[in-house]
């Protein structure tokens, strides 16, 4: 009788580990599937803020626009 109980405990441990791996893989595949379906990854249009902005677009642009400096906000 104890041999049967030990066999079932081992079988439940194996199934538990199998379903843990199955759940983990399903979570990762689902997450990456949702992220890669994002339309912003494949959108090649120019963003609206770059299209309509009067601030020059350059790397490390830490300057305020002239009208903000003259008002005295900063």
N, C-alpha and C. Protein backbone atom coordinates (compact mmCIF):
# COMPACT_ATOMS: atom_id res chain seq x y z
N UNK A 1 0.82 -1.20 0.00
CA UNK A 1 0.00 0.00 0.00
C UNK A 1 0.86 1.27 0.00
N UNK A 2 1.92 1.29 0.80
CA UNK A 2 2.76 2.49 0.85
C UNK A 2 3.52 2.68 -0.46
N UNK A 3 3.79 1.59 -1.17
CA UNK A 3 4.45 1.70 -2.48
C UNK A 3 3.56 2.43 -3.48
N UNK A 4 2.27 2.14 -3.44
CA UNK A 4 1.33 2.81 -4.33
C UNK A 4 1.23 4.29 -3.98
N UNK A 5 1.21 4.61 -2.70
CA UNK A 5 1.13 6.01 -2.27
C UNK A 5 2.38 6.76 -2.70
N UNK A 6 3.54 6.15 -2.54
CA UNK A 6 4.80 6.79 -2.94
C UNK A 6 4.85 6.99 -4.46
N UNK A 7 4.34 6.04 -5.20
CA UNK A 7 4.30 6.18 -6.67
C UNK A 7 3.38 7.33 -7.08
N UNK A 8 2.24 7.46 -6.42
CA UNK A 8 1.33 8.56 -6.74
C UNK A 8 1.92 9.91 -6.35
N UNK A 9 2.65 9.96 -5.24
CA UNK A 9 3.31 11.20 -4.85
C UNK A 9 4.36 11.61 -5.89
N UNK A 10 5.10 10.62 -6.36
CA UNK A 10 6.11 10.91 -7.38
C UNK A 10 5.44 11.37 -8.67
N UNK A 11 4.37 10.70 -9.05
CA UNK A 11 3.65 11.06 -10.28
C UNK A 11 3.06 12.46 -10.16
N UNK A 12 2.53 12.80 -9.01
CA UNK A 12 1.98 14.15 -8.84
C UNK A 12 3.07 15.20 -8.89
N UNK A 13 4.26 14.87 -8.37
CA UNK A 13 5.38 15.82 -8.43
C UNK A 13 5.83 16.02 -9.88
N UNK A 14 5.88 14.95 -10.64
CA UNK A 14 6.27 15.04 -12.05
C UNK A 14 5.26 15.87 -12.83
N UNK A 15 3.99 15.60 -12.64
CA UNK A 15 2.95 16.37 -13.34
C UNK A 15 2.94 17.83 -12.91
N UNK A 16 3.17 18.07 -11.63
CA UNK A 16 3.23 19.44 -11.14
C UNK A 16 4.37 20.20 -11.82
N UNK A 17 5.53 19.59 -11.90
CA UNK A 17 6.68 20.24 -12.55
C UNK A 17 6.42 20.45 -14.04
N UNK A 18 5.79 19.47 -14.69
CA UNK A 18 5.47 19.59 -16.12
C UNK A 18 4.52 20.75 -16.37
N UNK A 19 3.47 20.85 -15.56
CA UNK A 19 2.50 21.93 -15.75
C UNK A 19 3.09 23.28 -15.38
N UNK A 20 4.04 23.32 -14.45
CA UNK A 20 4.73 24.57 -14.15
C UNK A 20 5.51 25.06 -15.37
N UNK A 21 6.24 24.17 -16.00
CA UNK A 21 6.99 24.55 -17.21
C UNK A 21 6.05 24.94 -18.35
N UNK A 22 4.97 24.20 -18.50
CA UNK A 22 3.99 24.51 -19.54
C UNK A 22 3.38 25.90 -19.32
N UNK A 23 3.02 26.22 -18.08
CA UNK A 23 2.45 27.52 -17.76
C UNK A 23 3.47 28.63 -17.99
N UNK A 24 4.72 28.41 -17.58
CA UNK A 24 5.76 29.42 -17.76
C UNK A 24 6.00 29.71 -19.23
N UNK A 25 6.10 28.69 -20.03
CA UNK A 25 6.31 28.87 -21.48
C UNK A 25 5.11 29.57 -22.10
N UNK A 26 3.90 29.19 -21.70
CA UNK A 26 2.70 29.83 -22.25
C UNK A 26 2.66 31.31 -21.88
N UNK A 27 3.08 31.66 -20.67
CA UNK A 27 3.10 33.07 -20.26
C UNK A 27 4.09 33.87 -21.09
N UNK A 28 5.29 33.33 -21.29
CA UNK A 28 6.29 34.04 -22.08
C UNK A 28 5.86 34.18 -23.54
N UNK A 29 5.35 33.12 -24.12
CA UNK A 29 4.89 33.18 -25.52
C UNK A 29 3.74 34.16 -25.66
N UNK A 30 2.81 34.16 -24.73
CA UNK A 30 1.69 35.09 -24.78
C UNK A 30 2.14 36.53 -24.62
N UNK A 31 3.08 36.77 -23.71
CA UNK A 31 3.58 38.12 -23.50
C UNK A 31 4.28 38.64 -24.74
N UNK A 32 5.17 37.84 -25.30
CA UNK A 32 5.87 38.29 -26.51
C UNK A 32 4.92 38.41 -27.69
N UNK A 33 3.91 37.55 -27.76
CA UNK A 33 2.92 37.67 -28.82
C UNK A 33 2.14 38.97 -28.74
N UNK A 34 1.78 39.39 -27.54
CA UNK A 34 1.07 40.65 -27.37
C UNK A 34 1.97 41.83 -27.69
N UNK A 35 3.21 41.78 -27.23
CA UNK A 35 4.14 42.90 -27.48
C UNK A 35 4.43 43.04 -28.97
N UNK A 36 4.64 41.93 -29.66
CA UNK A 36 4.99 42.02 -31.08
C UNK A 36 3.80 42.32 -31.97
N UNK A 37 2.59 42.29 -31.44
CA UNK A 37 1.42 42.71 -32.21
C UNK A 37 1.16 44.20 -32.09
N UNK A 38 1.98 44.88 -31.30
CA UNK A 38 1.79 46.31 -31.09
C UNK A 38 1.96 47.06 -32.41
N UNK A 39 0.99 47.88 -32.79
CA UNK A 39 1.08 48.58 -34.07
C UNK A 39 2.20 49.62 -34.09
N UNK A 40 2.61 50.12 -32.93
CA UNK A 40 3.66 51.14 -32.93
C UNK A 40 5.02 50.57 -33.33
N UNK A 41 5.19 49.26 -33.26
CA UNK A 41 6.46 48.66 -33.68
C UNK A 41 6.63 48.71 -35.20
N UNK A 42 5.53 48.69 -35.92
CA UNK A 42 5.58 48.61 -37.37
C UNK A 42 5.13 49.89 -38.06
N UNK A 43 4.89 50.94 -37.29
CA UNK A 43 4.43 52.21 -37.84
C UNK A 43 5.63 53.04 -38.27
N UNK A 44 5.74 53.34 -39.55
CA UNK A 44 6.90 54.07 -40.07
C UNK A 44 6.60 55.55 -40.28
N UNK A 45 5.41 56.01 -39.89
CA UNK A 45 5.08 57.42 -40.06
C UNK A 45 5.84 58.27 -39.05
N UNK A 46 6.02 59.55 -39.38
CA UNK A 46 6.68 60.49 -38.47
C UNK A 46 5.71 60.82 -37.34
N UNK A 47 6.15 60.78 -36.07
CA UNK A 47 5.26 61.10 -34.97
C UNK A 47 4.73 62.53 -35.07
N UNK A 48 3.51 62.74 -34.55
CA UNK A 48 2.86 64.04 -34.65
C UNK A 48 3.65 65.11 -33.90
N UNK A 49 4.21 64.77 -32.74
CA UNK A 49 4.94 65.78 -31.98
C UNK A 49 6.20 66.23 -32.71
N UNK A 50 6.83 65.36 -33.47
CA UNK A 50 7.99 65.77 -34.27
C UNK A 50 7.56 66.57 -35.49
N UNK A 51 6.40 66.25 -36.00
CA UNK A 51 5.90 66.91 -37.20
C UNK A 51 5.45 68.34 -36.92
N UNK A 52 4.85 68.59 -35.77
CA UNK A 52 4.26 69.89 -35.47
C UNK A 52 5.06 70.72 -34.47
N UNK A 53 6.13 70.18 -33.92
CA UNK A 53 6.87 70.88 -32.87
C UNK A 53 7.72 72.01 -33.44
N UNK A 54 7.78 73.11 -32.68
CA UNK A 54 8.65 74.21 -33.09
C UNK A 54 10.02 74.10 -32.43
N UNK A 55 10.18 73.17 -31.51
CA UNK A 55 11.47 72.94 -30.87
C UNK A 55 12.32 72.10 -31.82
N UNK A 56 13.53 72.52 -32.09
CA UNK A 56 14.37 71.74 -33.01
C UNK A 56 14.67 70.35 -32.43
N UNK A 57 14.58 69.36 -33.29
CA UNK A 57 14.84 67.99 -32.87
C UNK A 57 16.33 67.68 -33.03
N UNK A 58 17.02 67.59 -31.94
CA UNK A 58 18.42 67.19 -31.98
C UNK A 58 18.70 66.37 -30.73
N UNK A 59 19.78 65.65 -30.77
CA UNK A 59 20.14 64.78 -29.67
C UNK A 59 20.51 65.63 -28.45
N UNK A 60 20.08 65.21 -27.26
CA UNK A 60 20.34 65.89 -26.00
C UNK A 60 19.84 67.34 -26.04
N UNK A 61 18.60 67.52 -26.45
CA UNK A 61 18.00 68.85 -26.52
C UNK A 61 17.48 69.22 -25.14
N UNK A 62 18.30 69.94 -24.37
CA UNK A 62 17.91 70.34 -23.04
C UNK A 62 17.62 71.84 -22.95
N UNK A 63 17.41 72.50 -24.08
CA UNK A 63 17.15 73.93 -24.09
C UNK A 63 15.65 74.18 -24.11
N UNK A 64 15.23 75.23 -23.41
CA UNK A 64 13.83 75.63 -23.43
C UNK A 64 13.58 76.52 -24.64
N UNK A 65 12.36 76.54 -25.15
CA UNK A 65 12.04 77.45 -26.25
C UNK A 65 12.20 78.90 -25.82
N UNK A 66 12.38 79.79 -26.79
CA UNK A 66 12.63 81.21 -26.50
C UNK A 66 11.47 81.86 -25.75
N UNK A 67 10.23 81.51 -26.09
CA UNK A 67 9.10 82.16 -25.43
C UNK A 67 9.01 81.79 -23.96
N UNK A 68 9.42 80.60 -23.58
CA UNK A 68 9.41 80.19 -22.19
C UNK A 68 10.47 80.93 -21.42
N UNK A 69 11.64 81.15 -22.04
CA UNK A 69 12.72 81.86 -21.37
C UNK A 69 12.38 83.32 -21.16
N UNK A 70 11.68 83.95 -22.12
CA UNK A 70 11.37 85.39 -22.00
C UNK A 70 10.25 85.65 -21.01
N UNK A 71 9.33 84.68 -20.81
CA UNK A 71 8.25 84.87 -19.85
C UNK A 71 8.80 84.82 -18.43
N UNK A 72 9.83 84.05 -18.24
CA UNK A 72 10.43 83.93 -16.93
C UNK A 72 9.91 82.76 -16.13
N UNK A 73 9.41 81.73 -16.80
CA UNK A 73 8.93 80.54 -16.10
C UNK A 73 10.10 79.77 -15.51
N UNK A 74 11.20 79.72 -16.27
CA UNK A 74 12.35 78.93 -15.78
C UNK A 74 13.44 79.83 -15.28
